[in-house]
Amino acid sequence: MGDVEGKKMKILCLHGFRTSGKFLKKQISKWDSSIFAHFDMDFPDGIHPAGGKSDIEGIFPGPYFEWFQFNKGATIAALLLGYQAQGKILKDQPKMKLYVSISGSKFREPSICEVAYKEPIKVKSIHFIGEKDWLKLPSEELATAFENPLIISHPQGHTVPRLDEDAVQKLKNWTEEIFLLFQSKSTTTSEDAELGETKNEQEFKN
């Protein structure tokens, strides 16, 4: 059996508009570190240099980046999930298993929406929605694109929020549930592979 306990799930963390991977990592660092203890988190920079002024200039040092010269990582990630579910992209890649949205929203292009959000996206998702966020309604709309989404409301605006004890516990429960499911599936896969090897050995001996 493989060392399942030593494995970690990977989370690709996509930053917001004209910010950076380092900035998102700094924002997430204010959350309880035990929440993502079982995960490897990757914070890449967008593929385009910022094409204009960043809202975090004077708050966090640059350089700043954009994703495909438009808005947020959360929006892109949801689009990728929807397209993968419809078999349009990433066909040779493992299915993505979780999605965390902070002020995310749907694309507005009808031709994209008809594909990406055609059916409920069956991926475990959690959506942080701020009461003072100018994208509150679009964020709520995005949550409806997912099957059984977990929604955490907070009183702040368009930001990675500070979490109260209740939100921390909900998020910890959510990540632990996903990791245990991943661990269980990895164990089953390892056991199946081991049984297959044993069977082959017996057939060879016979």
Protein backbone atom coordinates (compact mmCIF):
# COMPACT_ATOMS: atom_id res chain seq x y z
CA MET A 1 0.00 0.00 0.00
CA GLY A 2 1.30 3.43 -0.83
CA ASP A 3 2.03 6.13 1.73
CA VAL A 4 -1.43 7.69 1.51
CA GLU A 5 -1.03 9.59 4.77
CA GLY A 6 1.94 11.46 3.32
CA LYS A 7 0.02 12.72 0.31
CA LYS A 8 -1.42 16.20 0.07
CA MET A 9 -4.03 17.63 -2.24
CA LYS A 10 -2.93 20.62 -4.29
CA ILE A 11 -4.81 23.91 -4.43
CA LEU A 12 -4.14 26.37 -7.24
CA CYS A 13 -4.71 29.85 -5.78
CA LEU A 14 -5.46 32.47 -8.43
CA HIS A 15 -5.16 36.11 -7.34
CA GLY A 16 -7.44 39.03 -8.10
CA PHE A 17 -7.32 41.78 -10.72
CA ARG A 18 -3.97 43.57 -10.98
CA THR A 19 -2.55 42.06 -7.81
CA SER A 20 -0.15 39.10 -7.46
CA GLY A 21 0.33 35.62 -6.08
CA LYS A 22 2.38 37.03 -3.21
CA PHE A 23 -0.42 39.42 -2.31
CA LEU A 24 -3.03 36.63 -2.20
CA LYS A 25 -0.69 34.48 -0.12
CA LYS A 26 -0.31 37.39 2.31
CA GLN A 27 -4.09 37.78 2.52
CA ILE A 28 -4.69 34.07 3.12
CA SER A 29 -2.00 34.03 5.80
CA LYS A 30 -4.36 35.86 8.18
CA TRP A 31 -6.54 32.74 8.28
CA ASP A 32 -5.95 29.93 10.79
CA SER A 33 -3.06 27.92 9.31
CA SER A 34 -4.64 24.62 10.38
CA ILE A 35 -7.45 25.10 7.83
CA PHE A 36 -5.25 24.12 4.90
CA ALA A 37 -2.75 21.95 6.78
CA HIS A 38 -3.43 18.96 4.50
CA PHE A 39 -2.97 20.91 1.27
CA ASP A 40 -0.12 22.16 -0.90
CA MET A 41 -1.04 25.67 -1.99
CA ASP A 42 0.43 27.25 -5.13
CA PHE A 43 0.19 31.03 -5.69
CA PRO A 44 1.25 31.79 -9.30
CA ASP A 45 1.26 35.25 -10.85
CA GLY A 46 -1.06 36.10 -13.73
CA ILE A 47 0.35 35.68 -17.22
CA HIS A 48 0.06 39.37 -18.18
CA PRO A 49 1.69 42.39 -16.46
CA ALA A 50 -0.93 44.78 -15.10
CA GLY A 51 -2.18 47.01 -17.91
CA GLY A 52 -3.06 49.89 -15.62
CA LYS A 53 -3.11 51.13 -12.05
CA SER A 54 -3.49 48.56 -9.29
CA ASP A 55 -5.81 49.19 -6.33
CA ILE A 56 -3.12 47.87 -3.98
CA GLU A 57 -0.39 50.32 -5.03
CA GLY A 58 1.03 51.85 -1.85
CA ILE A 59 -0.42 48.94 0.17
CA PHE A 60 1.57 46.00 -1.18
CA PRO A 61 4.66 46.15 -3.45
CA GLY A 62 4.46 45.15 -7.11
CA PRO A 63 4.82 43.90 -9.70
CA TYR A 64 1.13 43.30 -10.41
CA PHE A 65 -0.50 40.97 -12.91
CA GLU A 66 -3.70 40.14 -14.79
CA TRP A 67 -5.28 36.90 -15.97
CA PHE A 68 -6.00 37.01 -19.70
CA GLN A 69 -6.31 40.78 -19.39
CA PHE A 70 -9.55 40.72 -17.46
CA ASN A 71 -10.87 40.21 -13.97
CA LYS A 72 -10.41 37.78 -11.12
CA GLY A 73 -8.94 34.35 -10.58
CA ALA A 74 -12.17 33.13 -8.95
CA THR A 75 -14.08 33.88 -12.15
CA ILE A 76 -11.54 32.05 -14.31
CA ALA A 77 -11.46 29.03 -11.99
CA ALA A 78 -15.25 28.65 -12.06
CA LEU A 79 -15.19 28.88 -15.85
CA LEU A 80 -12.56 26.12 -16.06
CA LEU A 81 -14.64 23.89 -13.78
CA GLY A 82 -17.75 24.36 -15.89
CA TYR A 83 -15.92 23.73 -19.17
CA GLN A 84 -14.20 20.64 -17.76
CA ALA A 85 -17.53 19.27 -16.52
CA GLN A 86 -18.91 19.64 -20.05
CA GLY A 87 -15.88 17.86 -21.52
CA LYS A 88 -14.72 20.94 -23.43
CA ILE A 89 -11.24 21.33 -21.90
CA LEU A 90 -8.72 19.50 -19.68
CA LYS A 91 -10.04 16.16 -20.90
CA ASP A 92 -6.80 14.36 -20.08
CA GLN A 93 -6.49 15.93 -16.63
CA PRO A 94 -7.98 14.64 -13.34
CA LYS A 95 -11.28 16.23 -12.41
CA MET A 96 -10.89 19.22 -10.14
CA LYS A 97 -12.30 18.38 -6.72
CA LEU A 98 -12.88 21.66 -4.91
CA TYR A 99 -13.46 25.35 -5.51
CA VAL A 100 -13.09 28.34 -3.18
CA SER A 101 -14.58 31.61 -4.37
CA ILE A 102 -13.83 34.98 -2.78
CA SER A 103 -15.94 37.63 -4.50
CA GLY A 104 -16.19 35.48 -7.63
CA SER A 105 -18.74 35.99 -10.40
CA LYS A 106 -19.97 34.45 -13.64
CA PHE A 107 -18.79 35.51 -17.07
CA ARG A 108 -21.29 37.78 -18.81
CA GLU A 109 -20.76 36.53 -22.35
CA PRO A 110 -23.94 34.52 -23.21
CA SER A 111 -22.13 32.03 -25.46
CA ILE A 112 -19.76 31.20 -22.58
CA CYS A 113 -22.54 30.97 -19.99
CA GLU A 114 -24.51 28.55 -22.17
CA VAL A 115 -21.63 26.07 -21.90
CA ALA A 116 -19.94 26.69 -18.57
CA TYR A 117 -23.09 26.94 -16.45
CA LYS A 118 -25.37 24.71 -18.52
CA GLU A 119 -25.75 22.25 -15.62
CA PRO A 120 -24.96 22.51 -11.89
CA ILE A 121 -21.22 22.07 -11.41
CA LYS A 122 -20.76 18.98 -9.23
CA VAL A 123 -17.66 20.14 -7.39
CA LYS A 124 -17.50 20.85 -3.66
CA SER A 125 -17.50 24.62 -3.42
CA ILE A 126 -17.39 27.32 -0.79
CA HIS A 127 -18.27 30.95 -1.51
CA PHE A 128 -17.25 33.95 0.60
CA ILE A 129 -19.70 36.78 0.03
CA GLY A 130 -19.32 40.22 1.62
CA GLU A 131 -22.30 42.30 2.65
CA LYS A 132 -20.50 45.46 1.49
CA ASP A 133 -18.96 43.91 -1.62
CA TRP A 134 -19.92 45.62 -4.87
CA LEU A 135 -19.96 42.11 -6.36
CA LYS A 136 -22.30 40.67 -3.73
CA LEU A 137 -25.15 39.86 -6.13
CA PRO A 138 -22.86 38.42 -8.85
CA SER A 139 -21.17 36.30 -6.17
CA GLU A 140 -24.54 34.97 -5.03
CA GLU A 141 -25.43 34.23 -8.65
CA LEU A 142 -22.18 32.29 -9.14
CA ALA A 143 -22.94 30.14 -6.08
CA THR A 144 -26.16 28.98 -7.75
CA ALA A 145 -24.08 27.45 -10.57
CA PHE A 146 -22.74 24.83 -8.13
CA GLU A 147 -24.38 21.79 -6.59
CA ASN A 148 -24.86 22.17 -2.81
CA PRO A 149 -22.54 25.18 -2.35
CA LEU A 150 -21.42 26.26 1.12
CA ILE A 151 -21.88 30.01 1.51
CA ILE A 152 -20.07 32.02 4.18
CA SER A 153 -21.34 35.58 4.48
CA HIS A 154 -19.22 38.25 6.12
CA PRO A 155 -19.78 41.96 6.90
CA GLN A 156 -16.78 43.20 4.91
CA GLY A 157 -16.37 44.38 1.35
CA HIS A 158 -14.44 43.27 -1.74
CA THR A 159 -11.56 41.57 0.07
CA VAL A 160 -10.25 38.33 1.51
CA PRO A 161 -12.15 38.55 4.79
CA ARG A 162 -10.99 38.02 8.32
CA LEU A 163 -12.90 35.03 9.66
CA ASP A 164 -14.79 34.78 12.94
CA GLU A 165 -14.79 31.54 14.94
CA ASP A 166 -17.92 30.23 13.25
CA ALA A 167 -16.50 30.78 9.74
CA VAL A 168 -13.18 29.21 10.72
CA GLN A 169 -14.93 26.10 12.01
CA LYS A 170 -17.11 25.80 8.90
CA LEU A 171 -14.07 26.13 6.64
CA LYS A 172 -12.06 23.62 8.68
CA ASN A 173 -14.90 21.10 8.57
CA TRP A 174 -15.20 21.60 4.82
CA THR A 175 -11.50 21.10 4.08
CA GLU A 176 -11.23 18.12 6.45
CA GLU A 177 -14.21 16.44 4.79
CA ILE A 178 -12.61 16.88 1.36
CA PHE A 179 -9.24 15.60 2.53
CA LEU A 180 -10.75 12.52 4.20
CA LEU A 181 -12.64 11.75 1.00
CA PHE A 182 -9.43 12.16 -1.00
CA GLN A 183 -7.52 9.98 1.46
CA SER A 184 -10.21 7.29 1.30
CA LYS A 185 -10.15 7.22 -2.50
CA SER A 186 -6.35 7.14 -2.55
CA THR A 187 -6.36 4.19 -0.15
CA THR A 188 -8.87 2.33 -2.31
CA THR A 189 -6.83 3.00 -5.44
CA SER A 190 -3.64 1.79 -3.75
CA GLU A 191 -5.34 -1.36 -2.48
CA ASP A 192 -6.79 -2.09 -5.93
CA ALA A 193 -3.36 -1.67 -7.51
CA GLU A 194 -1.81 -3.94 -4.88
CA LEU A 195 -4.46 -6.61 -5.43
CA GLY A 196 -3.90 -6.36 -9.18
CA GLU A 197 -0.17 -6.92 -8.74
CA THR A 198 -0.78 -9.95 -6.48
CA LYS A 199 -3.19 -11.43 -9.02
CA ASN A 200 -0.68 -10.97 -11.83
CA GLU A 201 2.03 -12.63 -9.76
CA GLN A 202 -0.21 -15.63 -9.10
CA GLU A 203 -1.13 -15.93 -12.76
CA PHE A 204 2.55 -15.78 -13.70
CA LYS A 205 3.41 -18.53 -11.21
CA ASN A 206 0.58 -20.71 -12.53
